PDB file of N, CA and C in Angstrom:
ATOM      1  N   MET A   1     108.402  57.035 110.000  1.00  0.00           N
ATOM      2  CA  MET A   1     107.825  57.496 111.533  1.00  0.00           C
ATOM      3  C   MET A   1     107.661  58.900 111.006  1.00  0.00           C
ATOM      4  N   LYS A   2     106.389  59.149 111.752  1.00  0.00           N
ATOM      5  CA  LYS A   2     105.604  60.585 111.716  1.00  0.00           C
ATOM      6  C   LYS A   2     106.696  61.344 112.559  1.00  0.00           C
ATOM      7  N   SER A   3     106.783  62.633 112.526  1.00  0.00           N
ATOM      8  CA  SER A   3     107.656  63.698 113.128  1.00  0.00           C
ATOM      9  C   SER A   3     106.766  63.998 114.413  1.00  0.00           C
ATOM     10  N   SER A   4     105.546  63.574 114.722  1.00  0.00           N
ATOM     11  CA  SER A   4     104.973  63.842 115.981  1.00  0.00           C
ATOM     12  C   SER A   4     105.372  62.852 116.659  1.00  0.00           C
ATOM     13  N   THR A   5     105.300  61.368 116.218  1.00  0.00           N
ATOM     14  CA  THR A   5     105.774  60.174 117.151  1.00  0.00           C
ATOM     15  C   THR A   5     107.308  60.258 117.661  1.00  0.00           C
ATOM     16  N   LYS A   6     108.085  60.865 116.715  1.00  0.00           N
ATOM     17  CA  LYS A   6     109.281  60.953 117.046  1.00  0.00           C
ATOM     18  C   LYS A   6     109.571  62.011 118.230  1.00  0.00           C
ATOM     19  N   TRP A   7     108.581  63.473 118.363  1.00  0.00           N
ATOM     20  CA  TRP A   7     108.635  64.088 119.199  1.00  0.00           C
ATOM     21  C   TRP A   7     108.358  63.538 120.555  1.00  0.00           C
ATOM     22  N   ILE A   8     107.232  62.462 120.489  1.00  0.00           N
ATOM     23  CA  ILE A   8     106.845  61.712 121.650  1.00  0.00           C
ATOM     24  C   ILE A   8     107.569  61.007 122.392  1.00  0.00           C
ATOM     25  N   LEU A   9     108.283  59.978 121.309  1.00  0.00           N
ATOM     26  CA  LEU A   9     109.437  59.295 121.835  1.00  0.00           C
ATOM     27  C   LEU A   9     110.801  59.954 122.589  1.00  0.00           C
ATOM     28  N   ILE A  10     111.003  61.229 122.199  1.00  0.00           N
ATOM     29  CA  ILE A  10     112.108  61.850 122.557  1.00  0.00           C
ATOM     30  C   ILE A  10     111.449  62.726 123.982  1.00  0.00           C
ATOM     31  N   LEU A  11     110.268  63.287 124.065  1.00  0.00           N
ATOM     32  CA  LEU A  11     110.097  63.866 125.091  1.00  0.00           C
ATOM     33  C   LEU A  11     110.235  62.350 126.158  1.00  0.00           C
ATOM     34  N   LEU A  12     109.320  61.539 126.038  1.00  0.00           N
ATOM     35  CA  LEU A  12     109.021  60.210 126.839  1.00  0.00           C
ATOM     36  C   LEU A  12     110.700  59.836 127.257  1.00  0.00           C
ATOM     37  N   GLY A  13     111.664  59.824 126.515  1.00  0.00           N
ATOM     38  CA  GLY A  13     112.993  59.352 126.898  1.00  0.00           C
ATOM     39  C   GLY A  13     113.597  60.476 127.901  1.00  0.00           C
ATOM     40  N   MET A  14     113.274  61.929 127.726  1.00  0.00           N
ATOM     41  CA  MET A  14     114.065  62.886 128.626  1.00  0.00           C
ATOM     42  C   MET A  14     113.148  62.295 129.803  1.00  0.00           C
ATOM     43  N   ALA A  15     111.989  62.381 129.978  1.00  0.00           N
ATOM     44  CA  ALA A  15     111.205  62.394 131.193  1.00  0.00           C
ATOM     45  C   ALA A  15     112.235  60.976 132.080  1.00  0.00           C
ATOM     46  N   VAL A  16     112.177  59.987 131.392  1.00  0.00           N
ATOM     47  CA  VAL A  16     112.723  58.826 131.973  1.00  0.00           C
ATOM     48  C   VAL A  16     114.063  58.903 132.500  1.00  0.00           C
ATOM     49  N   ALA A  17     114.909  59.905 131.706  1.00  0.00           N
ATOM     50  CA  ALA A  17     116.459  59.806 132.100  1.00  0.00           C
ATOM     51  C   ALA A  17     116.034  60.996 133.279  1.00  0.00           C
ATOM     52  N   ALA A  18     115.352  62.068 133.222  1.00  0.00           N
ATOM     53  CA  ALA A  18     115.105  62.877 134.269  1.00  0.00           C
ATOM     54  C   ALA A  18     114.843  62.568 135.730  1.00  0.00           C
ATOM     55  N   SER A  19     113.719  61.485 135.595  1.00  0.00           N
ATOM     56  CA  SER A  19     113.239  60.427 136.843  1.00  0.00           C
ATOM     57  C   SER A  19     114.444  59.665 137.068  1.00  0.00           C
ATOM     58  N   GLY A  20     115.211  58.900 136.213  1.00  0.00           N
ATOM     59  CA  GLY A  20     116.564  58.433 136.920  1.00  0.00           C
ATOM     60  C   GLY A  20     117.543  59.263 137.643  1.00  0.00           C
ATOM     61  N   ALA A  21     117.694  60.220 137.077  1.00  0.00           N
ATOM     62  CA  ALA A  21     118.790  61.056 137.829  1.00  0.00           C
ATOM     63  C   ALA A  21     117.992  61.868 138.876  1.00  0.00           C
ATOM     64  N   MET A  22     116.951  61.861 139.459  1.00  0.00           N
ATOM     65  CA  MET A  22     116.154  62.485 140.517  1.00  0.00           C
ATOM     66  C   MET A  22     116.540  61.074 141.420  1.00  0.00           C
ATOM     67  N   ILE A  23     116.177  60.099 141.175  1.00  0.00           N
ATOM     68  CA  ILE A  23     116.003  58.856 141.950  1.00  0.00           C
ATOM     69  C   ILE A  23     117.516  58.710 142.456  1.00  0.00           C
ATOM     70  N   LEU A  24     118.718  58.909 141.904  1.00  0.00           N
ATOM     71  CA  LEU A  24     119.996  58.391 141.869  1.00  0.00           C
ATOM     72  C   LEU A  24     120.370  59.865 143.134  1.00  0.00           C
ATOM     73  N   TRP A  25     119.807  60.825 142.396  1.00  0.00           N
ATOM     74  CA  TRP A  25     120.190  62.151 143.501  1.00  0.00           C
ATOM     75  C   TRP A  25     119.583  61.903 144.898  1.00  0.00           C
ATOM     76  N   GLN A  26     118.552  61.504 145.171  1.00  0.00           N
ATOM     77  CA  GLN A  26     118.045  61.214 146.573  1.00  0.00           C
ATOM     78  C   GLN A  26     118.240  60.008 147.033  1.00  0.00           C
ATOM     79  N   ARG A  27     119.009  59.080 146.505  1.00  0.00           N
ATOM     80  CA  ARG A  27     119.422  57.626 147.284  1.00  0.00           C
ATOM     81  C   ARG A  27     120.864  58.350 147.589  1.00  0.00           C
ATOM     82  N   GLY A  28     121.731  59.178 146.773  1.00  0.00           N
ATOM     83  CA  GLY A  28     123.228  59.220 146.977  1.00  0.00           C
ATOM     84  C   GLY A  28     123.392  60.367 147.544  1.00  0.00           C
ATOM     85  N   GLY A  29     123.301  61.502 146.790  1.00  0.00           N
ATOM     86  CA  GLY A  29     123.744  62.712 147.083  1.00  0.00           C
ATOM     87  C   GLY A  29     122.815  63.373 148.421  1.00  0.00           C
ATOM     88  N   GLY A  30     121.581  63.142 148.725  1.00  0.00           N
ATOM     89  CA  GLY A  30     120.759  63.561 149.568  1.00  0.00           C
ATOM     90  C   GLY A  30     120.895  63.016 150.826  1.00  0.00           C
ATOM     91  N   GLN A  31     121.830  62.325 151.409  1.00  0.00           N
ATOM     92  CA  GLN A  31     122.039  61.644 152.661  1.00  0.00           C
ATOM     93  C   GLN A  31     122.359  62.356 153.727  1.00  0.00           C
ATOM     94  N   THR A  32     121.842  62.380 154.772  1.00  0.00           N
ATOM     95  CA  THR A  32     122.286  63.064 155.744  1.00  0.00           C
ATOM     96  C   THR A  32     123.205  62.226 156.641  1.00  0.00           C
ATOM     97  N   ALA A  33     124.014  62.655 157.613  1.00  0.00           N
ATOM     98  CA  ALA A  33     124.865  62.073 158.596  1.00  0.00           C
ATOM     99  C   ALA A  33     123.819  61.359 159.488  1.00  0.00           C
ATOM    100  N   PRO A  34     124.618  60.035 160.236  1.00  0.00           N
ATOM    101  CA  PRO A  34     123.732  59.064 161.036  1.00  0.00           C
ATOM    102  C   PRO A  34     123.509  59.931 162.327  1.00  0.00           C
ATOM    103  N   VAL A  35     122.328  60.083 163.015  1.00  0.00           N
ATOM    104  CA  VAL A  35     121.985  60.884 164.250  1.00  0.00           C
ATOM    105  C   VAL A  35     121.645  59.773 165.118  1.00  0.00           C
ATOM    106  N   ALA A  36     121.884  59.618 166.338  1.00  0.00           N
ATOM    107  CA  ALA A  36     121.353  58.852 167.438  1.00  0.00           C
ATOM    108  C   ALA A  36     119.934  59.786 168.162  1.00  0.00           C
ATOM    109  N   ARG A  37     118.655  59.866 167.689  1.00  0.00           N
ATOM    110  CA  ARG A  37     117.941  60.284 168.641  1.00  0.00           C
ATOM    111  C   ARG A  37     117.531  59.350 169.950  1.00  0.00           C
ATOM    112  N   ILE A  38     117.656  60.074 170.866  1.00  0.00           N
ATOM    113  CA  ILE A  38     117.241  59.415 172.408  1.00  0.00           C
ATOM    114  C   ILE A  38     116.200  60.164 173.058  1.00  0.00           C
ATOM    115  N   LEU A  39     115.021  59.006 173.005  1.00  0.00           N
ATOM    116  CA  LEU A  39     113.347  59.302 173.703  1.00  0.00           C
ATOM    117  C   LEU A  39     113.034  58.648 174.683  1.00  0.00           C
ATOM    118  N   ARG A  40     112.572  59.690 175.240  1.00  0.00           N
ATOM    119  CA  ARG A  40     112.213  59.164 176.742  1.00  0.00           C
ATOM    120  C   ARG A  40     110.475  59.572 176.866  1.00  0.00           C
ATOM    121  N   ASP A  41     109.685  58.620 176.929  1.00  0.00           N
ATOM    122  CA  ASP A  41     108.518  58.657 177.300  1.00  0.00           C
ATOM    123  C   ASP A  41     107.583  59.561 175.675  1.00  0.00           C
ATOM    124  N   GLY A  42     108.284  59.302 174.575  1.00  0.00           N
ATOM    125  CA  GLY A  42     108.114  59.954 173.536  1.00  0.00           C
ATOM    126  C   GLY A  42     108.583  61.388 173.113  1.00  0.00           C
ATOM    127  N   GLU A  43     109.261  61.651 174.724  1.00  0.00           N
ATOM    128  CA  GLU A  43     110.119  63.031 174.171  1.00  0.00           C
ATOM    129  C   GLU A  43     111.540  63.130 173.833  1.00  0.00           C
ATOM    130  N   LEU A  44     112.095  63.712 172.929  1.00  0.00           N
ATOM    131  CA  LEU A  44     113.196  63.756 172.729  1.00  0.00           C
ATOM    132  C   LEU A  44     114.068  64.583 173.957  1.00  0.00           C
ATOM    133  N   VAL A  45     115.027  63.641 174.025  1.00  0.00           N
ATOM    134  CA  VAL A  45     116.000  63.776 175.311  1.00  0.00           C
ATOM    135  C   VAL A  45     117.053  64.405 174.946  1.00  0.00           C
ATOM    136  N   GLU A  46     117.646  63.940 173.788  1.00  0.00           N
ATOM    137  CA  GLU A  46     119.098  64.361 173.286  1.00  0.00           C
ATOM    138  C   GLU A  46     119.355  63.724 171.558  1.00  0.00           C
ATOM    139  N   GLU A  47     119.932  64.459 170.917  1.00  0.00           N
ATOM    140  CA  GLU A  47     120.318  63.994 169.583  1.00  0.00           C
ATOM    141  C   GLU A  47     121.987  64.071 169.469  1.00  0.00           C
ATOM    142  N   ILE A  48     122.703  62.951 169.228  1.00  0.00           N
ATOM    143  CA  ILE A  48     123.994  62.696 169.226  1.00  0.00           C
ATOM    144  C   ILE A  48     124.462  62.246 167.757  1.00  0.00           C
ATOM    145  N   ALA A  49     125.317  63.162 166.900  1.00  0.00           N
ATOM    146  CA  ALA A  49     125.620  63.172 165.577  1.00  0.00           C
ATOM    147  C   ALA A  49     126.600  62.105 165.301  1.00  0.00           C
ATOM    148  N   LEU A  50     126.230  60.762 165.201  1.00  0.00           N
ATOM    149  CA  LEU A  50     127.448  59.749 165.202  1.00  0.00           C
ATOM    150  C   LEU A  50     128.775  59.883 164.401  1.00  0.00           C
ATOM    151  N   ASP A  51     128.474  60.610 163.269  1.00  0.00           N
ATOM    152  CA  ASP A  51     130.077  60.806 162.379  1.00  0.00           C
ATOM    153  C   ASP A  51     130.750  61.835 163.233  1.00  0.00           C
ATOM    154  N   LYS A  52     130.320  62.705 164.262  1.00  0.00           N
ATOM    155  CA  LYS A  52     131.197  63.716 164.887  1.00  0.00           C
ATOM    156  C   LYS A  52     131.832  62.933 166.476  1.00  0.00           C
ATOM    157  N   VAL A  53     131.460  61.873 166.561  1.00  0.00           N
ATOM    158  CA  VAL A  53     132.058  61.153 167.960  1.00  0.00           C
ATOM    159  C   VAL A  53     133.382  60.832 167.634  1.00  0.00           C
ATOM    160  N   THR A  54     134.446  61.510 168.222  1.00  0.00           N
ATOM    161  CA  THR A  54     135.558  60.902 168.099  1.00  0.00           C
ATOM    162  C   THR A  54     136.440  60.213 169.606  1.00  0.00           C
ATOM    163  N   ALA A  55     135.943  60.304 170.494  1.00  0.00           N
ATOM    164  CA  ALA A  55     136.155  59.335 171.794  1.00  0.00           C
ATOM    165  C   ALA A  55     134.718  58.727 172.409  1.00  0.00           C
ATOM    166  N   SER A  56     135.131  57.624 172.935  1.00  0.00           N
ATOM    167  CA  SER A  56     133.825  56.795 173.569  1.00  0.00           C
ATOM    168  C   SER A  56     133.718  57.605 174.772  1.00  0.00           C
ATOM    169  N   TYR A  57     132.517  57.747 175.022  1.00  0.00           N
ATOM    170  CA  TYR A  57     131.864  58.544 176.501  1.00  0.00           C
ATOM    171  C   TYR A  57     130.604  57.560 176.649  1.00  0.00           C
ATOM    172  N   SER A  58     130.252  58.297 178.117  1.00  0.00           N
ATOM    173  CA  SER A  58     129.143  57.327 178.526  1.00  0.00           C
ATOM    174  C   SER A  58     128.373  58.192 179.460  1.00  0.00           C
ATOM    175  N   PHE A  59     126.996  58.285 179.542  1.00  0.00           N
ATOM    176  CA  PHE A  59     126.020  58.847 180.619  1.00  0.00           C
ATOM    177  C   PHE A  59     124.967  58.300 181.017  1.00  0.00           C
ATOM    178  N   VAL A  60     124.635  58.649 181.892  1.00  0.00           N
ATOM    179  CA  VAL A  60     123.282  58.273 182.661  1.00  0.00           C
ATOM    180  C   VAL A  60     121.910  59.051 182.358  1.00  0.00           C
ATOM    181  N   LEU A  61     120.713  58.667 182.165  1.00  0.00           N
ATOM    182  CA  LEU A  61     119.438  59.097 182.044  1.00  0.00           C
ATOM    183  C   LEU A  61     118.613  58.462 183.072  1.00  0.00           C
ATOM    184  N   HIS A  62     118.177  59.419 184.219  1.00  0.00           N
ATOM    185  CA  HIS A  62     117.529  58.948 185.317  1.00  0.00           C
ATOM    186  C   HIS A  62     116.048  59.520 184.969  1.00  0.00           C
ATOM    187  N   GLY A  63     115.325  58.598 185.089  1.00  0.00           N
ATOM    188  CA  GLY A  63     113.818  59.019 185.172  1.00  0.00           C
ATOM    189  C   GLY A  63     112.795  58.211 186.264  1.00  0.00           C
ATOM    190  N   SER A  64     111.788  58.632 186.354  1.00  0.00           N
ATOM    191  CA  SER A  64     111.095  58.261 187.530  1.00  0.00           C
ATOM    192  C   SER A  64     110.803  56.731 187.677  1.00  0.00           C
ATOM    193  N   ALA A  65     110.884  56.099 186.345  1.00  0.00           N
ATOM    194  CA  ALA A  65     110.641  54.555 186.449  1.00  0.00           C
ATOM    195  C   ALA A  65     112.390  53.862 186.465  1.00  0.00           C
ATOM    196  N   GLY A  66     113.546  54.629 186.453  1.00  0.00           N
ATOM    197  CA  GLY A  66     114.877  53.897 186.481  1.00  0.00           C
ATOM    198  C   GLY A  66     115.736  54.581 185.822  1.00  0.00           C
ATOM    199  N   SER A  67     116.968  54.166 185.807  1.00  0.00           N
ATOM    200  CA  SER A  67     117.843  54.671 184.798  1.00  0.00           C
ATOM    201  C   SER A  67     118.626  53.785 183.812  1.00  0.00           C
ATOM    202  N   ASN A  68     119.191  54.654 182.811  1.00  0.00           N
ATOM    203  CA  ASN A  68     120.240  53.317 181.632  1.00  0.00           C
ATOM    204  C   ASN A  68     121.516  54.181 181.456  1.00  0.00           C
ATOM    205  N   THR A  69     121.721  53.561 181.720  1.00  0.00           N
ATOM    206  CA  THR A  69     123.491  54.181 180.970  1.00  0.00           C
ATOM    207  C   THR A  69     124.168  53.973 179.732  1.00  0.00           C
ATOM    208  N   ILE A  70     124.119  55.043 178.903  1.00  0.00           N
ATOM    209  CA  ILE A  70     124.007  55.094 177.536  1.00  0.00           C
ATOM    210  C   ILE A  70     125.644  55.418 177.281  1.00  0.00           C
ATOM    211  N   GLN A  71     126.150  54.519 176.329  1.00  0.00           N
ATOM    212  CA  GLN A  71     127.533  54.165 175.707  1.00  0.00           C
ATOM    213  C   GLN A  71     127.330  54.710 174.337  1.00  0.00           C
ATOM    214  N   VAL A  72     128.234  55.696 174.058  1.00  0.00           N
ATOM    215  CA  VAL A  72     128.558  56.132 172.831  1.00  0.00           C
ATOM    216  C   VAL A  72     130.128  56.152 172.348  1.00  0.00           C
ATOM    217  N   GLU A  73     130.069  55.450 171.193  1.00  0.00           N
ATOM    218  CA  GLU A  73     131.500  55.331 170.629  1.00  0.00           C
ATOM    219  C   GLU A  73     131.455  55.949 168.975  1.00  0.00           C
ATOM    220  N   PRO A  74     132.633  56.171 168.311  1.00  0.00           N
ATOM    221  CA  PRO A  74     132.298  56.700 167.068  1.00  0.00           C
ATOM    222  C   PRO A  74     131.506  55.493 166.147  1.00  0.00           C
ATOM    223  N   GLY A  75     130.509  56.349 165.606  1.00  0.00           N
ATOM    224  CA  GLY A  75     129.847  55.627 164.527  1.00  0.00           C
ATOM    225  C   GLY A  75     128.338  54.643 165.265  1.00  0.00           C
ATOM    226  N   ARG A  76     128.650  54.520 166.503  1.00  0.00           N
ATOM    227  CA  ARG A  76     127.514  53.546 167.472  1.00  0.00           C
ATOM    228  C   ARG A  76     127.174  54.058 168.785  1.00  0.00           C
ATOM    229  N   ILE A  77     125.992  53.291 169.180  1.00  0.00           N
ATOM    230  CA  ILE A  77     125.638  53.815 170.537  1.00  0.00           C
ATOM    231  C   ILE A  77     124.948  52.282 171.183  1.00  0.00           C
ATOM    232  N   ARG A  78     124.866  52.430 172.649  1.00  0.00           N
ATOM    233  CA  ARG A  78     124.404  50.902 172.858  1.00  0.00           C
ATOM    234  C   ARG A  78     123.742  51.535 174.430  1.00  0.00           C
ATOM    235  N   VAL A  79     123.067  50.645 175.172  1.00  0.00           N
ATOM    236  CA  VAL A  79     122.702  51.001 176.456  1.00  0.00           C
ATOM    237  C   VAL A  79     123.404  50.151 177.341  1.00  0.00           C
ATOM    238  N   SER A  80     124.360  49.928 178.077  1.00  0.00           N
ATOM    239  CA  SER A  80     125.367  49.328 178.658  1.00  0.00           C
ATOM    240  C   SER A  80     125.015  48.884 179.983  1.00  0.00           C
ATOM    241  N   ALA A  81     123.919  49.295 180.494  1.00  0.00           N
ATOM    242  CA  ALA A  81     123.476  49.204 182.033  1.00  0.00           C
ATOM    243  C   ALA A  81     122.175  49.888 182.237  1.00  0.00           C
ATOM    244  N   ALA A  82     121.280  48.784 182.909  1.00  0.00           N
ATOM    245  CA  ALA A  82     120.151  49.947 183.029  1.00  0.00           C
ATOM    246  C   ALA A  82     119.650  48.867 184.634  1.00  0.00           C
ATOM    247  N   ASP A  83     118.798  49.680 185.490  1.00  0.00           N
ATOM    248  CA  ASP A  83     118.327  48.698 186.463  1.00  0.00           C
ATOM    249  C   ASP A  83     116.696  48.187 186.102  1.00  0.00           C
ATOM    250  N   CYS A  84     116.382  47.966 184.864  1.00  0.00           N
ATOM    251  CA  CYS A  84     114.694  47.308 184.648  1.00  0.00           C
ATOM    252  C   CYS A  84     115.456  46.083 184.870  1.00  0.00           C
ATOM    253  N   PRO A  85     114.042  45.308 184.884  1.00  0.00           N
ATOM    254  CA  PRO A  85     114.003  43.913 185.023  1.00  0.00           C
ATOM    255  C   PRO A  85     114.483  42.820 184.393  1.00  0.00           C
ATOM    256  N   ASP A  86     114.053  42.861 183.205  1.00  0.00           N
ATOM    257  CA  ASP A  86     114.383  42.096 181.670  1.00  0.00           C
ATOM    258  C   ASP A  86     115.516  42.303 181.051  1.00  0.00           C
ATOM    259  N   GLN A  87     116.557  43.523 181.077  1.00  0.00           N
ATOM    260  CA  GLN A  87     117.653  44.037 180.658  1.00  0.00           C
ATOM    261  C   GLN A  87     117.809  43.529 179.076  1.00  0.00           C
ATOM    262  N   VAL A  88     116.538  43.433 178.259  1.00  0.00           N
ATOM    263  CA  VAL A  88     116.658  43.346 177.057  1.00  0.00           C
ATOM    264  C   VAL A  88     117.258  44.588 176.080  1.00  0.00           C
ATOM    265  N   CYS A  89     117.309  45.837 176.672  1.00  0.00           N
ATOM    266  CA  CYS A  89     117.779  47.119 176.219  1.00  0.00           C
ATOM    267  C   CYS A  89     119.476  46.944 176.321  1.00  0.00           C
ATOM    268  N   VAL A  90     119.800  46.153 177.301  1.00  0.00           N
ATOM    269  CA  VAL A  90     121.056  45.698 177.571  1.00  0.00           C
ATOM    270  C   VAL A  90     121.883  44.964 176.620  1.00  0.00           C
ATOM    271  N   GLU A  91     121.251  43.737 176.280  1.00  0.00           N
ATOM    272  CA  GLU A  91     121.556  42.558 175.889  1.00  0.00           C
ATOM    273  C   GLU A  91     121.404  42.789 174.126  1.00  0.00           C
ATOM    274  N   GLN A  92     120.867  43.881 173.520  1.00  0.00           N
ATOM    275  CA  GLN A  92     120.664  44.173 172.361  1.00  0.00           C
ATOM    276  C   GLN A  92     122.237  44.608 171.868  1.00  0.00           C
ATOM    277  N   GLY A  93     123.092  45.356 172.721  1.00  0.00           N
ATOM    278  CA  GLY A  93     124.147  45.618 172.505  1.00  0.00           C
ATOM    279  C   GLY A  93     124.481  46.941 171.527  1.00  0.00           C
ATOM    280  N   TYR A  94     125.239  47.252 170.531  1.00  0.00           N
ATOM    281  CA  TYR A  94     125.337  48.547 170.050  1.00  0.00           C
ATOM    282  C   TYR A  94     124.635  48.393 168.674  1.00  0.00           C
ATOM    283  N   ILE A  95     124.033  49.495 168.343  1.00  0.00           N
ATOM    284  CA  ILE A  95     123.379  49.819 167.018  1.00  0.00           C
ATOM    285  C   ILE A  95     124.106  50.927 166.466  1.00  0.00           C
ATOM    286  N   SER A  96     124.140  50.874 164.734  1.00  0.00           N
ATOM    287  CA  SER A  96     124.826  51.914 164.014  1.00  0.00           C
ATOM    288  C   SER A  96     124.112  52.471 162.841  1.00  0.00           C
ATOM    289  N   ASP A  97     122.820  51.654 162.764  1.00  0.00           N
ATOM    290  CA  ASP A  97     122.065  52.066 161.357  1.00  0.00           C
ATOM    291  C   ASP A  97     120.745  52.324 161.883  1.00  0.00           C
ATOM    292  N   GLY A  98     119.733  52.519 161.138  1.00  0.00           N
ATOM    293  CA  GLY A  98     118.191  52.789 161.304  1.00  0.00           C
ATOM    294  C   GLY A  98     117.713  51.381 161.259  1.00  0.00           C
ATOM    295  N   THR A  99     118.200  50.039 161.014  1.00  0.00           N
ATOM    296  CA  THR A  99     117.369  49.275 161.193  1.00  0.00           C
ATOM    297  C   THR A  99     116.690  48.566 162.374  1.00  0.00           C
ATOM    298  N   VAL A 100     117.181  48.613 163.646  1.00  0.00           N
ATOM    299  CA  VAL A 100     116.375  48.402 164.775  1.00  0.00           C
ATOM    300  C   VAL A 100     116.593  48.995 166.027  1.00  0.00           C
ATOM    301  N   PRO A 101     115.651  49.735 166.561  1.00  0.00           N
ATOM    302  CA  PRO A 101     116.166  50.628 167.652  1.00  0.00           C
ATOM    303  C   PRO A 101     116.403  50.060 168.784  1.00  0.00           C
ATOM    304  N   ILE A 102     116.885  50.568 169.555  1.00  0.00           N
ATOM    305  CA  ILE A 102     116.872  49.995 171.156  1.00  0.00           C
ATOM    306  C   ILE A 102     115.765  50.438 171.911  1.00  0.00           C
ATOM    307  N   VAL A 103     115.192  49.474 172.804  1.00  0.00           N
ATOM    308  CA  VAL A 103     114.057  49.923 173.224  1.00  0.00           C
ATOM    309  C   VAL A 103     113.836  49.247 174.735  1.00  0.00           C
ATOM    310  N   CYS A 104     113.819  50.262 175.810  1.00  0.00           N
ATOM    311  CA  CYS A 104     113.701  49.654 176.902  1.00  0.00           C
ATOM    312  C   CYS A 104     112.441  50.119 177.412  1.00  0.00           C
ATOM    313  N   LEU A 105     111.040  49.206 177.456  1.00  0.00           N
ATOM    314  CA  LEU A 105     109.799  49.466 177.693  1.00  0.00           C
ATOM    315  C   LEU A 105     109.737  49.806 179.306  1.00  0.00           C
ATOM    316  N   PRO A 106     110.235  49.347 180.118  1.00  0.00           N
ATOM    317  CA  PRO A 106     109.897  49.570 181.419  1.00  0.00           C
ATOM    318  C   PRO A 106     110.193  51.273 181.802  1.00  0.00           C
ATOM    319  N   HIS A 107     111.370  51.477 180.961  1.00  0.00           N
ATOM    320  CA  HIS A 107     111.642  53.101 181.561  1.00  0.00           C
ATOM    321  C   HIS A 107     111.274  53.782 180.186  1.00  0.00           C
ATOM    322  N   GLY A 108     110.434  53.475 179.405  1.00  0.00           N
ATOM    323  CA  GLY A 108     110.100  54.369 178.300  1.00  0.00           C
ATOM    324  C   GLY A 108     111.133  54.851 177.505  1.00  0.00           C
ATOM    325  N   LEU A 109     112.239  54.078 177.252  1.00  0.00           N
ATOM    326  CA  LEU A 109     113.333  54.689 176.428  1.00  0.00           C
ATOM    327  C   LEU A 109     113.539  53.789 175.374  1.00  0.00           C
ATOM    328  N   VAL A 110     113.504  55.123 174.075  1.00  0.00           N
ATOM    329  CA  VAL A 110     114.127  54.498 172.709  1.00  0.00           C
ATOM    330  C   VAL A 110     115.054  55.396 172.330  1.00  0.00           C
ATOM    331  N   ILE A 111     115.985  54.475 171.757  1.00  0.00           N
ATOM    332  CA  ILE A 111     117.232  55.081 171.076  1.00  0.00           C
ATOM    333  C   ILE A 111     116.820  54.530 169.197  1.00  0.00           C
ATOM    334  N   GLU A 112     116.932  55.372 168.721  1.00  0.00           N
ATOM    335  CA  GLU A 112     116.949  55.019 166.831  1.00  0.00           C
ATOM    336  C   GLU A 112     117.996  56.012 166.730  1.00  0.00           C
ATOM    337  N   ILE A 113     118.383  55.608 165.245  1.00  0.00           N
ATOM    338  CA  ILE A 113     119.473  56.144 164.545  1.00  0.00           C
ATOM    339  C   ILE A 113     118.527  56.621 163.200  1.00  0.00           C
ATOM    340  N   VAL A 114     118.654  58.045 163.009  1.00  0.00           N
ATOM    341  CA  VAL A 114     118.136  58.487 161.430  1.00  0.00           C
ATOM    342  C   VAL A 114     119.374  58.866 160.834  1.00  0.00           C
ATOM    343  N   GLY A 115     119.013  59.266 159.416  1.00  0.00           N
ATOM    344  CA  GLY A 115     119.910  59.671 158.621  1.00  0.00           C
ATOM    345  C   GLY A 115     121.143  58.334 158.029  1.00  0.00           C
ATOM    346  N   GLY A 116     122.243  58.696 157.508  1.00  0.00           N
ATOM    347  CA  GLY A 116     123.065  57.734 157.320  1.00  0.00           C
ATOM    348  C   GLY A 116     122.588  57.014 155.984  1.00  0.00           C
ATOM    349  N   GLU A 117     123.459  56.122 155.628  1.00  0.00           N
ATOM    350  CA  GLU A 117     122.838  55.171 154.815  1.00  0.00           C
ATOM    351  C   GLU A 117     121.473  54.167 155.192  1.00  0.00           C
ATOM    352  N   GLU A 118     120.679  54.222 154.463  1.00  0.00           N
ATOM    353  CA  GLU A 118     119.503  53.344 154.510  1.00  0.00           C
ATOM    354  C   GLU A 118     119.950  51.834 154.234  1.00  0.00           C
ATOM    355  N   PRO A 119     119.612  51.000 155.309  1.00  0.00           N
ATOM    356  CA  PRO A 119     119.637  49.796 155.117  1.00  0.00           C
ATOM    357  C   PRO A 119     118.677  49.101 153.893  1.00  0.00           C
ATOM    358  N   LEU A 120     119.024  48.417 153.287  1.00  0.00           N
ATOM    359  CA  LEU A 120     118.376  47.812 152.199  1.00  0.00           C
ATOM    360  C   LEU A 120     117.177  46.636 152.570  1.00  0.00           C
ATOM    361  N   ASP A 121     116.072  46.433 152.036  1.00  0.00           N
ATOM    362  CA  ASP A 121     114.980  45.771 152.780  1.00  0.00           C
ATOM    363  C   ASP A 121     115.254  44.750 151.884  1.00  0.00           C
ATOM    364  N   GLY A 122     114.545  43.267 152.138  1.00  0.00           N
ATOM    365  CA  GLY A 122     114.257  42.301 151.531  1.00  0.00           C
ATOM    366  C   GLY A 122     114.442  42.082 150.083  1.00  0.00           C
ATOM    367  N   ALA A 123     113.388  43.071 149.632  1.00  0.00           N
ATOM    368  CA  ALA A 123     113.001  43.079 148.321  1.00  0.00           C
ATOM    369  C   ALA A 123     113.824  43.746 147.366  1.00  0.00           C
ATOM    370  N   ALA A 124     115.099  44.657 148.008  1.00  0.00           N
ATOM    371  CA  ALA A 124     116.071  45.089 147.365  1.00  0.00           C
ATOM    372  C   ALA A 124     117.393  44.204 146.933  1.00  0.00           C
ATOM    373  N   GLY A 125     117.506  43.257 147.593  1.00  0.00           N
ATOM    374  CA  GLY A 125     118.155  42.345 147.689  1.00  0.00           C
ATOM    375  C   GLY A 125     119.552  42.162 147.240  1.00  0.00           C
TER     376      GLY A 125
END
């Protein structure tokens, strides 16, 4: 094998190893704590670091379209009561990851979780 071919293979191996290390670092070491973001009509109302919650509590968000009672527990959040007609947001229950947000369309409310462990998609298997 020629000397130049050996160097090309060595450089290629180093590039593959560096790429693999970067991917592992981004997936594992670069994760942030889960934060519940509460938005009303697209505007951020509150952010709650779910890993910092030590005791359950609830609060009411009032808006021109109606009100929602938000219940927070360590690691999870839900809408426990609402005065909207369909109650989809209440029936959804708790969320604890970024898989599916809680949405109350009549009140323009969205609760989403960002950070934390990313859910696996169907292709990752």
